[in-house]
N, C-alpha and C. Protein backbone atom coordinates (compact mmCIF):
# COMPACT_ATOMS: atom_id res chain seq x y z
N MET A 1 2.37 -36.93 -31.34
CA MET A 1 1.29 -36.36 -31.34
C MET A 1 0.90 -35.08 -30.34
N MET A 2 1.59 -35.13 -29.38
CA MET A 2 1.39 -33.81 -28.54
C MET A 2 1.87 -32.69 -29.02
N ILE A 3 2.78 -32.91 -30.07
CA ILE A 3 3.33 -31.45 -30.77
C ILE A 3 2.33 -31.33 -31.69
N LEU A 4 1.49 -32.21 -32.35
CA LEU A 4 0.71 -31.92 -33.44
C LEU A 4 -0.83 -31.45 -32.68
N HIS A 5 -1.02 -32.01 -31.66
CA HIS A 5 -2.42 -31.56 -31.00
C HIS A 5 -2.28 -31.36 -29.47
N PRO A 6 -1.55 -30.39 -29.14
CA PRO A 6 -1.22 -30.02 -27.60
C PRO A 6 -2.45 -29.88 -26.78
N GLU A 7 -3.69 -29.57 -27.34
CA GLU A 7 -4.91 -29.35 -26.87
C GLU A 7 -5.70 -30.61 -26.42
N ARG A 8 -5.05 -31.77 -26.79
CA ARG A 8 -5.73 -32.96 -26.65
C ARG A 8 -5.22 -33.71 -25.25
N PRO A 9 -6.06 -33.60 -24.31
CA PRO A 9 -5.49 -34.33 -23.09
C PRO A 9 -5.34 -35.72 -23.03
N ASP A 10 -5.93 -36.59 -23.83
CA ASP A 10 -5.84 -38.06 -23.99
C ASP A 10 -4.38 -38.39 -24.16
N TYR A 11 -3.48 -37.79 -24.90
CA TYR A 11 -1.94 -38.03 -25.24
C TYR A 11 -1.25 -37.61 -23.71
N TYR A 12 -1.62 -36.86 -23.15
CA TYR A 12 -0.94 -36.53 -21.70
C TYR A 12 -1.35 -37.87 -20.69
N VAL A 13 -2.59 -38.02 -20.84
CA VAL A 13 -2.96 -38.90 -19.93
C VAL A 13 -2.36 -40.30 -20.06
N MET A 14 -2.08 -40.47 -21.48
CA MET A 14 -1.39 -41.87 -21.76
C MET A 14 -0.02 -41.90 -21.23
N ILE A 15 0.69 -40.83 -21.50
CA ILE A 15 2.05 -40.64 -21.02
C ILE A 15 2.15 -40.79 -19.59
N SER A 16 1.10 -40.18 -18.71
CA SER A 16 1.00 -40.08 -17.34
C SER A 16 0.83 -41.53 -16.89
N ASN A 17 0.13 -42.42 -17.53
CA ASN A 17 -0.33 -43.92 -17.29
C ASN A 17 1.02 -44.69 -17.59
N LEU A 18 1.81 -44.48 -18.54
CA LEU A 18 2.96 -45.05 -18.75
C LEU A 18 4.16 -44.85 -17.47
N TYR A 19 4.15 -43.50 -17.45
CA TYR A 19 5.15 -43.34 -16.21
C TYR A 19 4.73 -44.20 -14.83
N THR A 20 3.41 -44.08 -14.58
CA THR A 20 2.65 -44.81 -13.54
C THR A 20 2.93 -46.46 -13.71
N SER A 21 2.93 -46.88 -14.90
CA SER A 21 3.08 -48.55 -15.03
C SER A 21 4.50 -48.67 -14.37
N TYR A 22 5.40 -47.76 -14.84
CA TYR A 22 6.96 -48.12 -14.66
C TYR A 22 7.34 -47.47 -13.14
N GLY A 23 6.26 -47.20 -12.44
CA GLY A 23 6.53 -46.72 -11.05
C GLY A 23 7.13 -45.38 -10.83
N MET A 24 7.01 -44.64 -12.02
CA MET A 24 7.62 -43.30 -11.91
C MET A 24 6.60 -42.43 -11.53
N TRP A 25 5.98 -42.34 -10.20
CA TRP A 25 5.07 -41.57 -9.74
C TRP A 25 5.28 -40.11 -9.78
N ASP A 26 6.23 -39.84 -9.59
CA ASP A 26 6.61 -38.23 -9.50
C ASP A 26 6.40 -37.82 -10.93
N LYS A 27 6.83 -38.28 -12.10
CA LYS A 27 6.78 -37.92 -13.18
C LYS A 27 5.39 -37.89 -13.51
N SER A 28 4.48 -38.96 -13.19
CA SER A 28 3.08 -39.10 -13.67
C SER A 28 2.22 -37.86 -13.08
N MET A 29 2.75 -37.61 -11.75
CA MET A 29 2.17 -36.63 -10.98
C MET A 29 2.40 -35.23 -11.75
N ALA A 30 3.52 -34.84 -12.03
CA ALA A 30 4.06 -33.76 -12.64
C ALA A 30 3.18 -33.47 -14.14
N ILE A 31 2.93 -34.46 -14.89
CA ILE A 31 2.06 -34.61 -15.94
C ILE A 31 0.78 -34.09 -15.71
N ARG A 32 0.21 -34.73 -14.54
CA ARG A 32 -1.02 -34.32 -14.28
C ARG A 32 -1.27 -32.87 -13.68
N ARG A 33 -0.46 -32.64 -12.72
CA ARG A 33 -0.30 -31.14 -12.42
C ARG A 33 -0.44 -30.12 -13.69
N TRP A 34 0.63 -30.33 -14.59
CA TRP A 34 1.03 -29.82 -15.78
C TRP A 34 -0.68 -29.59 -16.46
N MET A 35 -1.24 -30.70 -16.62
CA MET A 35 -2.65 -30.43 -17.21
C MET A 35 -3.57 -29.75 -16.51
N GLN A 36 -3.59 -29.97 -15.20
CA GLN A 36 -4.41 -29.16 -14.46
C GLN A 36 -4.20 -27.68 -14.54
N ASP A 37 -2.93 -27.30 -14.40
CA ASP A 37 -2.44 -25.77 -14.44
C ASP A 37 -2.90 -25.16 -15.95
N ARG A 38 -2.93 -26.05 -16.89
CA ARG A 38 -3.50 -25.32 -18.22
C ARG A 38 -5.00 -25.66 -18.52
N GLY A 39 -5.88 -26.34 -17.56
CA GLY A 39 -7.21 -26.45 -17.65
C GLY A 39 -7.58 -27.70 -18.63
N LEU A 40 -6.67 -28.68 -18.84
CA LEU A 40 -6.77 -29.82 -19.68
C LEU A 40 -7.58 -30.74 -19.02
N VAL A 41 -8.61 -31.18 -19.47
CA VAL A 41 -9.49 -32.35 -18.64
C VAL A 41 -9.69 -33.42 -19.50
N LYS A 42 -9.42 -34.57 -19.15
CA LYS A 42 -9.91 -35.77 -19.87
C LYS A 42 -11.43 -36.11 -20.03
N VAL A 43 -11.89 -36.24 -21.14
CA VAL A 43 -13.23 -36.65 -21.46
C VAL A 43 -13.38 -37.96 -21.15
N PRO A 44 -14.40 -38.21 -20.04
CA PRO A 44 -14.48 -39.62 -19.80
C PRO A 44 -14.93 -40.55 -20.89
N GLY A 45 -14.37 -41.68 -20.94
CA GLY A 45 -14.99 -42.50 -22.14
C GLY A 45 -16.27 -43.46 -21.79
N CYS A 46 -16.81 -43.93 -22.63
CA CYS A 46 -17.93 -44.83 -22.47
C CYS A 46 -18.02 -45.89 -23.19
N SER A 47 -18.55 -46.87 -22.96
CA SER A 47 -18.86 -48.32 -23.83
C SER A 47 -20.16 -48.83 -23.65
N SER A 48 -20.60 -49.45 -24.65
CA SER A 48 -21.91 -50.02 -24.66
C SER A 48 -21.68 -51.52 -25.39
N VAL A 49 -22.61 -52.39 -24.71
CA VAL A 49 -22.50 -53.89 -25.11
C VAL A 49 -24.13 -54.16 -25.80
N GLY A 50 -24.22 -54.48 -26.93
CA GLY A 50 -25.34 -54.65 -27.47
C GLY A 50 -25.73 -56.33 -27.09
N LEU A 51 -26.85 -56.84 -26.62
CA LEU A 51 -27.31 -58.18 -26.34
C LEU A 51 -28.27 -58.52 -27.24
N GLU A 52 -28.40 -59.67 -27.92
CA GLU A 52 -29.54 -60.04 -28.82
C GLU A 52 -30.41 -60.80 -27.81
N ASN A 53 -31.87 -60.84 -27.97
CA ASN A 53 -32.67 -61.52 -27.34
C ASN A 53 -32.95 -62.98 -27.88
N GLY A 54 -32.73 -63.91 -26.94
CA GLY A 54 -32.73 -65.13 -27.64
C GLY A 54 -32.41 -65.94 -26.61
């Protein structure tokens, strides 16, 4: 996916998170630095929950 959409930071964040989950902190930080150098910023996500009155 990163080859098809290199401008999308969410793929890089996912890879960085995978490295982190395996304790590969140096690789995770390298991905984050690479993103920062290129101005790629993850757009924060949001969620909402609907509640019914009753």
